[in-house]
PDB file of all heavy atoms in Angstrom:
ATOM      1  N   TRP A   1      62.741  62.952 119.552  1.00  0.00           N
ATOM      2  CA  TRP A   1      61.257  63.197 119.397  1.00  0.00           C
ATOM      3  C   TRP A   1      60.940  63.976 118.131  1.00  0.00           C
ATOM      4  O   TRP A   1      59.761  64.213 117.847  1.00  0.00           O
ATOM      5  CB  TRP A   1      60.731  63.927 120.636  1.00  0.00           C
ATOM      6  CG  TRP A   1      61.624  65.035 121.113  1.00  0.00           C
ATOM      7  CD1 TRP A   1      61.688  66.299 120.616  1.00  0.00           C
ATOM      8  CD2 TRP A   1      62.524  64.941 122.204  1.00  0.00           C
ATOM      9  NE1 TRP A   1      62.609  67.030 121.333  1.00  0.00           N
ATOM     10  CE2 TRP A   1      63.142  66.240 122.344  1.00  0.00           C
ATOM     11  CE3 TRP A   1      62.867  63.942 123.115  1.00  0.00           C
ATOM     12  CZ2 TRP A   1      64.082  66.506 123.310  1.00  0.00           C
ATOM     13  CZ3 TRP A   1      63.819  64.231 124.045  1.00  0.00           C
ATOM     14  CH2 TRP A   1      64.406  65.479 124.137  1.00  0.00           C
ATOM     15  N   VAL A   2      61.949  64.454 117.348  1.00  0.00           N
ATOM     16  CA  VAL A   2      61.637  65.175 116.107  1.00  0.00           C
ATOM     17  C   VAL A   2      62.138  64.408 114.857  1.00  0.00           C
ATOM     18  O   VAL A   2      61.982  64.927 113.741  1.00  0.00           O
ATOM     19  CB  VAL A   2      62.222  66.580 116.120  1.00  0.00           C
ATOM     20  CG1 VAL A   2      61.591  67.419 117.205  1.00  0.00           C
ATOM     21  CG2 VAL A   2      63.730  66.569 116.224  1.00  0.00           C
ATOM     22  N   ARG A   3      62.678  63.232 115.068  1.00  0.00           N
ATOM     23  CA  ARG A   3      63.243  62.508 113.922  1.00  0.00           C
ATOM     24  C   ARG A   3      62.172  62.050 112.936  1.00  0.00           C
ATOM     25  O   ARG A   3      62.450  61.809 111.758  1.00  0.00           O
ATOM     26  CB  ARG A   3      64.064  61.335 114.404  1.00  0.00           C
ATOM     27  CG  ARG A   3      65.379  61.788 115.079  1.00  0.00           C
ATOM     28  CD  ARG A   3      66.120  60.685 115.760  1.00  0.00           C
ATOM     29  NE  ARG A   3      67.299  61.189 116.464  1.00  0.00           N
ATOM     30  CZ  ARG A   3      68.019  60.496 117.331  1.00  0.00           C
ATOM     31  NH1 ARG A   3      67.691  59.230 117.598  1.00  0.00           N
ATOM     32  NH2 ARG A   3      69.035  61.078 117.944  1.00  0.00           N
ATOM     33  N   ASP A   4      60.969  61.902 113.393  1.00  0.00           N
ATOM     34  CA  ASP A   4      59.858  61.524 112.529  1.00  0.00           C
ATOM     35  C   ASP A   4      58.951  62.698 112.166  1.00  0.00           C
ATOM     36  O   ASP A   4      57.893  62.534 111.563  1.00  0.00           O
ATOM     37  CB  ASP A   4      59.028  60.415 113.194  1.00  0.00           C
ATOM     38  CG  ASP A   4      59.802  59.133 113.371  1.00  0.00           C
ATOM     39  OD1 ASP A   4      60.677  58.839 112.541  1.00  0.00           O
ATOM     40  OD2 ASP A   4      59.559  58.395 114.382  1.00  0.00           O
ATOM     41  N   VAL A   5      59.350  63.891 112.586  1.00  0.00           N
ATOM     42  CA  VAL A   5      58.541  65.095 112.295  1.00  0.00           C
ATOM     43  C   VAL A   5      59.091  65.724 111.024  1.00  0.00           C
ATOM     44  O   VAL A   5      60.277  66.063 110.908  1.00  0.00           O
ATOM     45  CB  VAL A   5      58.654  66.106 113.451  1.00  0.00           C
ATOM     46  CG1 VAL A   5      57.853  67.342 113.111  1.00  0.00           C
ATOM     47  CG2 VAL A   5      58.130  65.483 114.747  1.00  0.00           C
ATOM     48  N   SER A   6      58.222  65.891 110.050  1.00  0.00           N
ATOM     49  CA  SER A   6      58.599  66.472 108.807  1.00  0.00           C
ATOM     50  C   SER A   6      58.165  67.956 108.720  1.00  0.00           C
ATOM     51  O   SER A   6      56.963  68.239 108.908  1.00  0.00           O
ATOM     52  CB  SER A   6      57.937  65.680 107.616  1.00  0.00           C
ATOM     53  OG  SER A   6      58.258  66.277 106.381  1.00  0.00           O
ATOM     54  N   VAL A   7      59.111  68.824 108.458  1.00  0.00           N
ATOM     55  CA  VAL A   7      58.816  70.262 108.328  1.00  0.00           C
ATOM     56  C   VAL A   7      59.208  70.680 106.921  1.00  0.00           C
ATOM     57  O   VAL A   7      60.392  70.911 106.603  1.00  0.00           O
ATOM     58  CB  VAL A   7      59.586  71.079 109.359  1.00  0.00           C
ATOM     59  CG1 VAL A   7      59.272  72.560 109.201  1.00  0.00           C
ATOM     60  CG2 VAL A   7      59.238  70.593 110.793  1.00  0.00           C
ATOM     61  N   SER A   8      58.240  70.763 106.036  1.00  0.00           N
ATOM     62  CA  SER A   8      58.495  71.144 104.645  1.00  0.00           C
ATOM     63  C   SER A   8      58.692  72.646 104.487  1.00  0.00           C
ATOM     64  O   SER A   8      59.447  73.125 103.653  1.00  0.00           O
ATOM     65  CB  SER A   8      57.353  70.680 103.739  1.00  0.00           C
ATOM     66  OG  SER A   8      56.114  71.215 104.198  1.00  0.00           O
ATOM     67  N   ASN A   9      57.992  73.403 105.347  1.00  0.00           N
ATOM     68  CA  ASN A   9      58.062  74.872 105.258  1.00  0.00           C
ATOM     69  C   ASN A   9      58.159  75.435 106.658  1.00  0.00           C
ATOM     70  O   ASN A   9      57.187  75.402 107.426  1.00  0.00           O
ATOM     71  CB  ASN A   9      56.835  75.441 104.550  1.00  0.00           C
ATOM     72  CG  ASN A   9      56.951  76.924 104.267  1.00  0.00           C
ATOM     73  OD1 ASN A   9      57.524  77.676 105.067  1.00  0.00           O
ATOM     74  ND2 ASN A   9      56.417  77.336 103.136  1.00  0.00           N
ATOM     75  N   PRO A  10      59.321  75.970 107.085  1.00  0.00           N
ATOM     76  CA  PRO A  10      59.481  76.509 108.439  1.00  0.00           C
ATOM     77  C   PRO A  10      58.470  77.596 108.793  1.00  0.00           C
ATOM     78  O   PRO A  10      58.018  77.653 109.930  1.00  0.00           O
ATOM     79  CB  PRO A  10      60.927  77.059 108.406  1.00  0.00           C
ATOM     80  CG  PRO A  10      61.619  76.280 107.359  1.00  0.00           C
ATOM     81  CD  PRO A  10      60.563  76.023 106.306  1.00  0.00           C
ATOM     82  N   LEU A  11      58.133  78.445 107.821  1.00  0.00           N
ATOM     83  CA  LEU A  11      57.171  79.512 108.117  1.00  0.00           C
ATOM     84  C   LEU A  11      55.807  78.947 108.418  1.00  0.00           C
ATOM     85  O   LEU A  11      55.119  79.437 109.302  1.00  0.00           O
ATOM     86  CB  LEU A  11      57.087  80.478 106.920  1.00  0.00           C
ATOM     87  CG  LEU A  11      58.340  81.340 106.665  1.00  0.00           C
ATOM     88  CD1 LEU A  11      58.147  82.237 105.462  1.00  0.00           C
ATOM     89  CD2 LEU A  11      58.662  82.174 107.892  1.00  0.00           C
ATOM     90  N   THR A  12      55.389  77.904 107.669  1.00  0.00           N
ATOM     91  CA  THR A  12      54.118  77.263 107.932  1.00  0.00           C
ATOM     92  C   THR A  12      54.113  76.616 109.340  1.00  0.00           C
ATOM     93  O   THR A  12      53.160  76.639 110.059  1.00  0.00           O
ATOM     94  CB  THR A  12      53.831  76.184 106.865  1.00  0.00           C
ATOM     95  OG1 THR A  12      53.770  76.831 105.595  1.00  0.00           O
ATOM     96  CG2 THR A  12      52.519  75.487 107.159  1.00  0.00           C
ATOM     97  N   PHE A  13      55.261  75.997 109.661  1.00  0.00           N
ATOM     98  CA  PHE A  13      55.434  75.373 110.973  1.00  0.00           C
ATOM     99  C   PHE A  13      55.206  76.414 112.092  1.00  0.00           C
ATOM    100  O   PHE A  13      54.462  76.178 113.051  1.00  0.00           O
ATOM    101  CB  PHE A  13      56.798  74.720 111.117  1.00  0.00           C
ATOM    102  CG  PHE A  13      57.035  74.061 112.450  1.00  0.00           C
ATOM    103  CD1 PHE A  13      56.684  72.725 112.654  1.00  0.00           C
ATOM    104  CD2 PHE A  13      57.617  74.734 113.485  1.00  0.00           C
ATOM    105  CE1 PHE A  13      56.930  72.122 113.873  1.00  0.00           C
ATOM    106  CE2 PHE A  13      57.879  74.162 114.698  1.00  0.00           C
ATOM    107  CZ  PHE A  13      57.514  72.817 114.880  1.00  0.00           C
ATOM    108  N   VAL A  14      55.867  77.564 111.945  1.00  0.00           N
ATOM    109  CA  VAL A  14      55.749  78.616 112.959  1.00  0.00           C
ATOM    110  C   VAL A  14      54.314  79.134 113.025  1.00  0.00           C
ATOM    111  O   VAL A  14      53.775  79.374 114.117  1.00  0.00           O
ATOM    112  CB  VAL A  14      56.756  79.765 112.629  1.00  0.00           C
ATOM    113  CG1 VAL A  14      56.501  80.959 113.523  1.00  0.00           C
ATOM    114  CG2 VAL A  14      58.185  79.276 112.774  1.00  0.00           C
ATOM    115  N   LEU A  15      53.695  79.323 111.872  1.00  0.00           N
ATOM    116  CA  LEU A  15      52.313  79.786 111.855  1.00  0.00           C
ATOM    117  C   LEU A  15      51.402  78.793 112.547  1.00  0.00           C
ATOM    118  O   LEU A  15      50.488  79.215 113.294  1.00  0.00           O
ATOM    119  CB  LEU A  15      51.849  80.034 110.411  1.00  0.00           C
ATOM    120  CG  LEU A  15      50.388  80.524 110.227  1.00  0.00           C
ATOM    121  CD1 LEU A  15      50.184  81.863 110.917  1.00  0.00           C
ATOM    122  CD2 LEU A  15      50.070  80.613 108.759  1.00  0.00           C
ATOM    123  N   ASP A  16      51.613  77.517 112.326  1.00  0.00           N
ATOM    124  CA  ASP A  16      50.789  76.470 112.962  1.00  0.00           C
ATOM    125  C   ASP A  16      50.982  76.513 114.452  1.00  0.00           C
ATOM    126  O   ASP A  16      50.044  76.181 115.222  1.00  0.00           O
ATOM    127  CB  ASP A  16      51.143  75.106 112.381  1.00  0.00           C
ATOM    128  CG  ASP A  16      50.600  74.906 111.006  1.00  0.00           C
ATOM    129  OD1 ASP A  16      49.692  75.677 110.593  1.00  0.00           O
ATOM    130  OD2 ASP A  16      51.077  73.959 110.301  1.00  0.00           O
ATOM    131  N   VAL A  17      52.204  76.800 114.940  1.00  0.00           N
ATOM    132  CA  VAL A  17      52.459  76.879 116.374  1.00  0.00           C
ATOM    133  C   VAL A  17      51.649  78.060 116.942  1.00  0.00           C
ATOM    134  O   VAL A  17      51.013  77.924 117.998  1.00  0.00           O
ATOM    135  CB  VAL A  17      53.972  77.098 116.641  1.00  0.00           C
ATOM    136  CG1 VAL A  17      54.212  77.441 118.124  1.00  0.00           C
ATOM    137  CG2 VAL A  17      54.749  75.821 116.279  1.00  0.00           C
ATOM    138  N   PHE A  18      51.660  79.182 116.265  1.00  0.00           N
ATOM    139  CA  PHE A  18      50.923  80.364 116.763  1.00  0.00           C
ATOM    140  C   PHE A  18      49.387  80.112 116.761  1.00  0.00           C
ATOM    141  O   PHE A  18      48.708  80.686 117.632  1.00  0.00           O
ATOM    142  CB  PHE A  18      51.253  81.615 115.923  1.00  0.00           C
ATOM    143  CG  PHE A  18      52.444  82.341 116.380  1.00  0.00           C
ATOM    144  CD1 PHE A  18      53.713  82.097 115.894  1.00  0.00           C
ATOM    145  CD2 PHE A  18      52.324  83.334 117.386  1.00  0.00           C
ATOM    146  CE1 PHE A  18      54.823  82.772 116.334  1.00  0.00           C
ATOM    147  CE2 PHE A  18      53.420  84.026 117.812  1.00  0.00           C
ATOM    148  CZ  PHE A  18      54.694  83.754 117.312  1.00  0.00           C
ATOM    149  N   THR A  19      48.899  79.342 115.806  1.00  0.00           N
ATOM    150  CA  THR A  19      47.474  79.088 115.744  1.00  0.00           C
ATOM    151  C   THR A  19      47.060  77.800 116.475  1.00  0.00           C
ATOM    152  O   THR A  19      45.923  77.343 116.355  1.00  0.00           O
ATOM    153  CB  THR A  19      47.016  79.015 114.268  1.00  0.00           C
ATOM    154  OG1 THR A  19      47.748  77.945 113.615  1.00  0.00           O
ATOM    155  CG2 THR A  19      47.251  80.304 113.555  1.00  0.00           C
ATOM    156  N   LEU A  20      48.000  77.250 117.254  1.00  0.00           N
ATOM    157  CA  LEU A  20      47.770  76.035 118.025  1.00  0.00           C
ATOM    158  C   LEU A  20      47.324  74.826 117.179  1.00  0.00           C
ATOM    159  O   LEU A  20      46.454  74.065 117.568  1.00  0.00           O
ATOM    160  CB  LEU A  20      46.715  76.330 119.114  1.00  0.00           C
ATOM    161  CG  LEU A  20      47.023  77.475 120.093  1.00  0.00           C
ATOM    162  CD1 LEU A  20      45.936  77.581 121.137  1.00  0.00           C
ATOM    163  CD2 LEU A  20      48.369  77.251 120.741  1.00  0.00           C
ATOM    164  N   HIS A  21      47.952  74.729 116.036  1.00  0.00           N
ATOM    165  CA  HIS A  21      47.757  73.528 115.178  1.00  0.00           C
ATOM    166  C   HIS A  21      48.963  72.634 115.122  1.00  0.00           C
ATOM    167  O   HIS A  21      48.982  71.603 114.454  1.00  0.00           O
ATOM    168  CB  HIS A  21      47.421  73.980 113.741  1.00  0.00           C
ATOM    169  CG  HIS A  21      46.007  74.468 113.555  1.00  0.00           C
ATOM    170  ND1 HIS A  21      45.599  75.746 113.961  1.00  0.00           N
ATOM    171  CD2 HIS A  21      44.894  73.842 113.090  1.00  0.00           C
ATOM    172  CE1 HIS A  21      44.285  75.879 113.647  1.00  0.00           C
ATOM    173  NE2 HIS A  21      43.851  74.766 113.133  1.00  0.00           N
ATOM    174  N   GLN A  22      50.061  73.057 115.829  1.00  0.00           N
ATOM    175  CA  GLN A  22      51.293  72.272 115.810  1.00  0.00           C
ATOM    176  C   GLN A  22      51.861  72.247 117.229  1.00  0.00           C
ATOM    177  O   GLN A  22      51.922  73.282 117.908  1.00  0.00           O
ATOM    178  CB  GLN A  22      52.294  72.915 114.859  1.00  0.00           C
ATOM    179  CG  GLN A  22      53.675  72.275 114.855  1.00  0.00           C
ATOM    180  CD  GLN A  22      53.654  70.846 114.247  1.00  0.00           C
ATOM    181  OE1 GLN A  22      53.215  70.693 113.105  1.00  0.00           O
ATOM    182  NE2 GLN A  22      54.107  69.893 115.019  1.00  0.00           N
ATOM    183  N   THR A  23      52.291  71.093 117.650  1.00  0.00           N
ATOM    184  CA  THR A  23      52.966  70.981 118.954  1.00  0.00           C
ATOM    185  C   THR A  23      54.050  69.944 118.858  1.00  0.00           C
ATOM    186  O   THR A  23      54.235  69.329 117.769  1.00  0.00           O
ATOM    187  CB  THR A  23      51.962  70.624 120.045  1.00  0.00           C
ATOM    188  OG1 THR A  23      52.606  70.696 121.330  1.00  0.00           O
ATOM    189  CG2 THR A  23      51.390  69.247 119.859  1.00  0.00           C
ATOM    190  N   LEU A  24      54.750  69.687 119.947  1.00  0.00           N
ATOM    191  CA  LEU A  24      55.792  68.687 120.011  1.00  0.00           C
ATOM    192  C   LEU A  24      55.716  67.955 121.315  1.00  0.00           C
ATOM    193  O   LEU A  24      54.938  68.330 122.231  1.00  0.00           O
ATOM    194  CB  LEU A  24      57.190  69.311 119.858  1.00  0.00           C
ATOM    195  CG  LEU A  24      57.636  69.809 118.476  1.00  0.00           C
ATOM    196  CD1 LEU A  24      59.041  70.395 118.591  1.00  0.00           C
ATOM    197  CD2 LEU A  24      57.638  68.664 117.458  1.00  0.00           C
ATOM    198  N   TYR A  25      56.526  66.945 121.463  1.00  0.00           N
ATOM    199  CA  TYR A  25      56.660  66.243 122.751  1.00  0.00           C
ATOM    200  C   TYR A  25      56.954  67.252 123.852  1.00  0.00           C
ATOM    201  O   TYR A  25      57.785  68.155 123.699  1.00  0.00           O
ATOM    202  CB  TYR A  25      57.821  65.241 122.599  1.00  0.00           C
ATOM    203  CG  TYR A  25      58.307  64.601 123.883  1.00  0.00           C
ATOM    204  CD1 TYR A  25      57.466  63.731 124.596  1.00  0.00           C
ATOM    205  CD2 TYR A  25      59.586  64.868 124.376  1.00  0.00           C
ATOM    206  CE1 TYR A  25      57.931  63.154 125.784  1.00  0.00           C
ATOM    207  CE2 TYR A  25      60.035  64.282 125.544  1.00  0.00           C
ATOM    208  CZ  TYR A  25      59.193  63.424 126.246  1.00  0.00           C
ATOM    209  OH  TYR A  25      59.617  62.838 127.416  1.00  0.00           O
ATOM    210  N   LEU A  26      56.242  67.142 124.959  1.00  0.00           N
ATOM    211  CA  LEU A  26      56.341  67.968 126.156  1.00  0.00           C
ATOM    212  C   LEU A  26      55.696  69.345 126.026  1.00  0.00           C
ATOM    213  O   LEU A  26      55.245  69.892 127.014  1.00  0.00           O
ATOM    214  CB  LEU A  26      57.795  68.185 126.601  1.00  0.00           C
ATOM    215  CG  LEU A  26      58.546  66.891 127.054  1.00  0.00           C
ATOM    216  CD1 LEU A  26      59.953  67.262 127.551  1.00  0.00           C
ATOM    217  CD2 LEU A  26      57.775  66.154 128.146  1.00  0.00           C
ATOM    218  N   THR A  27      55.615  69.911 124.832  1.00  0.00           N
ATOM    219  CA  THR A  27      54.982  71.235 124.685  1.00  0.00           C
ATOM    220  C   THR A  27      53.452  71.055 124.432  1.00  0.00           C
ATOM    221  O   THR A  27      52.745  72.050 124.413  1.00  0.00           O
ATOM    222  CB  THR A  27      55.592  72.038 123.539  1.00  0.00           C
ATOM    223  OG1 THR A  27      55.320  71.413 122.287  1.00  0.00           O
ATOM    224  CG2 THR A  27      57.079  72.188 123.704  1.00  0.00           C
ATOM    225  N   ASP A  28      53.033  69.807 124.293  1.00  0.00           N
ATOM    226  CA  ASP A  28      51.575  69.578 124.116  1.00  0.00           C
ATOM    227  C   ASP A  28      50.804  69.807 125.437  1.00  0.00           C
ATOM    228  O   ASP A  28      49.621  70.102 125.405  1.00  0.00           O
ATOM    229  CB  ASP A  28      51.312  68.165 123.603  1.00  0.00           C
ATOM    230  CG  ASP A  28      51.974  67.103 124.463  1.00  0.00           C
ATOM    231  OD1 ASP A  28      52.791  67.433 125.338  1.00  0.00           O
ATOM    232  OD2 ASP A  28      51.683  65.903 124.249  1.00  0.00           O
ATOM    233  N   ILE A  29      51.500  69.721 126.556  1.00  0.00           N
ATOM    234  CA  ILE A  29      50.807  69.882 127.836  1.00  0.00           C
ATOM    235  C   ILE A  29      50.366  71.336 128.061  1.00  0.00           C
ATOM    236  O   ILE A  29      49.189  71.574 128.352  1.00  0.00           O
ATOM    237  CB  ILE A  29      51.666  69.371 128.990  1.00  0.00           C
ATOM    238  CG1 ILE A  29      51.884  67.866 128.843  1.00  0.00           C
ATOM    239  CG2 ILE A  29      51.054  69.689 130.360  1.00  0.00           C
ATOM    240  CD1 ILE A  29      52.790  67.271 129.904  1.00  0.00           C
ATOM    241  N   PRO A  30      51.250  72.336 127.903  1.00  0.00           N
ATOM    242  CA  PRO A  30      50.739  73.711 128.044  1.00  0.00           C
ATOM    243  C   PRO A  30      49.708  74.071 127.026  1.00  0.00           C
ATOM    244  O   PRO A  30      48.799  74.898 127.298  1.00  0.00           O
ATOM    245  CB  PRO A  30      52.011  74.568 127.912  1.00  0.00           C
ATOM    246  CG  PRO A  30      53.040  73.704 127.278  1.00  0.00           C
ATOM    247  CD  PRO A  30      52.707  72.301 127.745  1.00  0.00           C
ATOM    248  N   MET A  31      49.766  73.472 125.797  1.00  0.00           N
ATOM    249  CA  MET A  31      48.709  73.731 124.831  1.00  0.00           C
ATOM    250  C   MET A  31      47.383  73.206 125.339  1.00  0.00           C
ATOM    251  O   MET A  31      46.352  73.866 125.227  1.00  0.00           O
ATOM    252  CB  MET A  31      49.080  73.074 123.472  1.00  0.00           C
ATOM    253  CG  MET A  31      47.950  73.229 122.447  1.00  0.00           C
ATOM    254  SD  MET A  31      48.241  72.374 120.882  1.00  0.00           S
ATOM    255  CE  MET A  31      49.472  73.414 120.144  1.00  0.00           C
ATOM    256  N   MET A  32      47.399  72.001 125.922  1.00  0.00           N
ATOM    257  CA  MET A  32      46.171  71.431 126.447  1.00  0.00           C
ATOM    258  C   MET A  32      45.589  72.330 127.539  1.00  0.00           C
ATOM    259  O   MET A  32      44.383  72.550 127.593  1.00  0.00           O
ATOM    260  CB  MET A  32      46.476  70.014 126.989  1.00  0.00           C
ATOM    261  CG  MET A  32      45.244  69.375 127.585  1.00  0.00           C
ATOM    262  SD  MET A  32      45.571  67.626 128.092  1.00  0.00           S
ATOM    263  CE  MET A  32      46.760  67.862 129.428  1.00  0.00           C
ATOM    264  N   TYR A  33      46.411  72.855 128.412  1.00  0.00           N
ATOM    265  CA  TYR A  33      45.945  73.727 129.478  1.00  0.00           C
ATOM    266  C   TYR A  33      45.366  75.028 128.900  1.00  0.00           C
ATOM    267  O   TYR A  33      44.442  75.556 129.453  1.00  0.00           O
ATOM    268  CB  TYR A  33      47.096  74.076 130.418  1.00  0.00           C
ATOM    269  CG  TYR A  33      47.355  73.005 131.449  1.00  0.00           C
ATOM    270  CD1 TYR A  33      48.507  72.220 131.412  1.00  0.00           C
ATOM    271  CD2 TYR A  33      46.436  72.746 132.446  1.00  0.00           C
ATOM    272  CE1 TYR A  33      48.745  71.247 132.331  1.00  0.00           C
ATOM    273  CE2 TYR A  33      46.663  71.773 133.393  1.00  0.00           C
ATOM    274  CZ  TYR A  33      47.831  71.021 133.331  1.00  0.00           C
ATOM    275  OH  TYR A  33      48.062  70.059 134.262  1.00  0.00           O
ATOM    276  N   THR A  34      45.965  75.542 127.822  1.00  0.00           N
ATOM    277  CA  THR A  34      45.432  76.757 127.219  1.00  0.00           C
ATOM    278  C   THR A  34      43.992  76.537 126.756  1.00  0.00           C
ATOM    279  O   THR A  34      43.104  77.365 127.035  1.00  0.00           O
ATOM    280  CB  THR A  34      46.286  77.159 126.004  1.00  0.00           C
ATOM    281  OG1 THR A  34      47.666  77.391 126.431  1.00  0.00           O
ATOM    282  CG2 THR A  34      45.770  78.425 125.384  1.00  0.00           C
ATOM    283  N   PHE A  35      43.759  75.431 126.088  1.00  0.00           N
ATOM    284  CA  PHE A  35      42.407  75.110 125.613  1.00  0.00           C
ATOM    285  C   PHE A  35      41.454  74.931 126.827  1.00  0.00           C
ATOM    286  O   PHE A  35      40.307  75.395 126.828  1.00  0.00           O
ATOM    287  CB  PHE A  35      42.396  73.833 124.786  1.00  0.00           C
ATOM    288  CG  PHE A  35      42.857  74.013 123.353  1.00  0.00           C
ATOM    289  CD1 PHE A  35      43.929  73.265 122.873  1.00  0.00           C
ATOM    290  CD2 PHE A  35      42.267  74.933 122.549  1.00  0.00           C
ATOM    291  CE1 PHE A  35      44.347  73.420 121.569  1.00  0.00           C
ATOM    292  CE2 PHE A  35      42.713  75.150 121.229  1.00  0.00           C
ATOM    293  CZ  PHE A  35      43.733  74.343 120.738  1.00  0.00           C
ATOM    294  N   MET A  36      41.917  74.240 127.856  1.00  0.00           N
ATOM    295  CA  MET A  36      41.048  73.980 129.030  1.00  0.00           C
ATOM    296  C   MET A  36      40.663  75.284 129.704  1.00  0.00           C
ATOM    297  O   MET A  36      39.548  75.462 130.160  1.00  0.00           O
ATOM    298  CB  MET A  36      41.782  73.062 129.997  1.00  0.00           C
ATOM    299  CG  MET A  36      41.855  71.603 129.566  1.00  0.00           C
ATOM    300  SD  MET A  36      42.720  70.606 130.809  1.00  0.00           S
ATOM    301  CE  MET A  36      42.553  68.960 130.025  1.00  0.00           C
ATOM    302  N   LEU A  37      41.624  76.197 129.820  1.00  0.00           N
ATOM    303  CA  LEU A  37      41.330  77.447 130.511  1.00  0.00           C
ATOM    304  C   LEU A  37      40.362  78.321 129.708  1.00  0.00           C
ATOM    305  O   LEU A  37      39.507  79.027 130.272  1.00  0.00           O
ATOM    306  CB  LEU A  37      42.631  78.217 130.782  1.00  0.00           C
ATOM    307  CG  LEU A  37      42.778  78.779 132.190  1.00  0.00           C
ATOM    308  CD1 LEU A  37      42.674  77.622 133.194  1.00  0.00           C
ATOM    309  CD2 LEU A  37      44.074  79.496 132.387  1.00  0.00           C
ATOM    310  N   LEU A  38      40.458  78.247 128.390  1.00  0.00           N
ATOM    311  CA  LEU A  38      39.500  78.967 127.550  1.00  0.00           C
ATOM    312  C   LEU A  38      38.085  78.402 127.789  1.00  0.00           C
ATOM    313  O   LEU A  38      37.116  79.138 127.924  1.00  0.00           O
ATOM    314  CB  LEU A  38      39.877  78.827 126.072  1.00  0.00           C
ATOM    315  CG  LEU A  38      41.096  79.665 125.628  1.00  0.00           C
ATOM    316  CD1 LEU A  38      41.443  79.283 124.174  1.00  0.00           C
ATOM    317  CD2 LEU A  38      40.776  81.163 125.699  1.00  0.00           C
ATOM    318  N   GLY A  39      38.033  77.057 127.809  1.00  0.00           N
ATOM    319  CA  GLY A  39      36.708  76.458 128.071  1.00  0.00           C
ATOM    320  C   GLY A  39      36.197  76.707 129.477  1.00  0.00           C
ATOM    321  O   GLY A  39      34.998  76.864 129.708  1.00  0.00           O
ATOM    322  N   ALA A  40      37.129  76.809 130.446  1.00  0.00           N
ATOM    323  CA  ALA A  40      36.737  77.046 131.846  1.00  0.00           C
ATOM    324  C   ALA A  40      36.093  78.411 132.006  1.00  0.00           C
ATOM    325  O   ALA A  40      35.179  78.565 132.836  1.00  0.00           O
ATOM    326  CB  ALA A  40      37.939  76.909 132.745  1.00  0.00           C
ATOM    327  N   ALA A  41      36.536  79.380 131.236  1.00  0.00           N
ATOM    328  CA  ALA A  41      35.910  80.705 131.311  1.00  0.00           C
ATOM    329  C   ALA A  41      34.423  80.632 130.960  1.00  0.00           C
ATOM    330  O   ALA A  41      33.580  81.331 131.574  1.00  0.00           O
ATOM    331  CB  ALA A  41      36.630  81.697 130.425  1.00  0.00           C
ATOM    332  N   LEU A  42      34.086  79.805 129.973  1.00  0.00           N
ATOM    333  CA  LEU A  42      32.699  79.620 129.611  1.00  0.00           C
ATOM    334  C   LEU A  42      31.970  78.753 130.632  1.00  0.00           C
ATOM    335  O   LEU A  42      30.787  78.977 130.915  1.00  0.00           O
ATOM    336  CB  LEU A  42      32.625  79.005 128.194  1.00  0.00           C
ATOM    337  CG  LEU A  42      33.236  79.799 127.067  1.00  0.00           C
ATOM    338  CD1 LEU A  42      33.165  79.011 125.761  1.00  0.00           C
ATOM    339  CD2 LEU A  42      32.525  81.134 126.907  1.00  0.00           C
TER     340      LEU A  42
END
């Protein structure tokens, strides 16, 4: 699932993970729940 994923800068990749701009196979589900729960509070 990462053979087609290009990471030119590891630090940028990590930063994108922290800012919820980057995900991978299977880890997209908890990201989706994070967004939903934020919206649910409103």
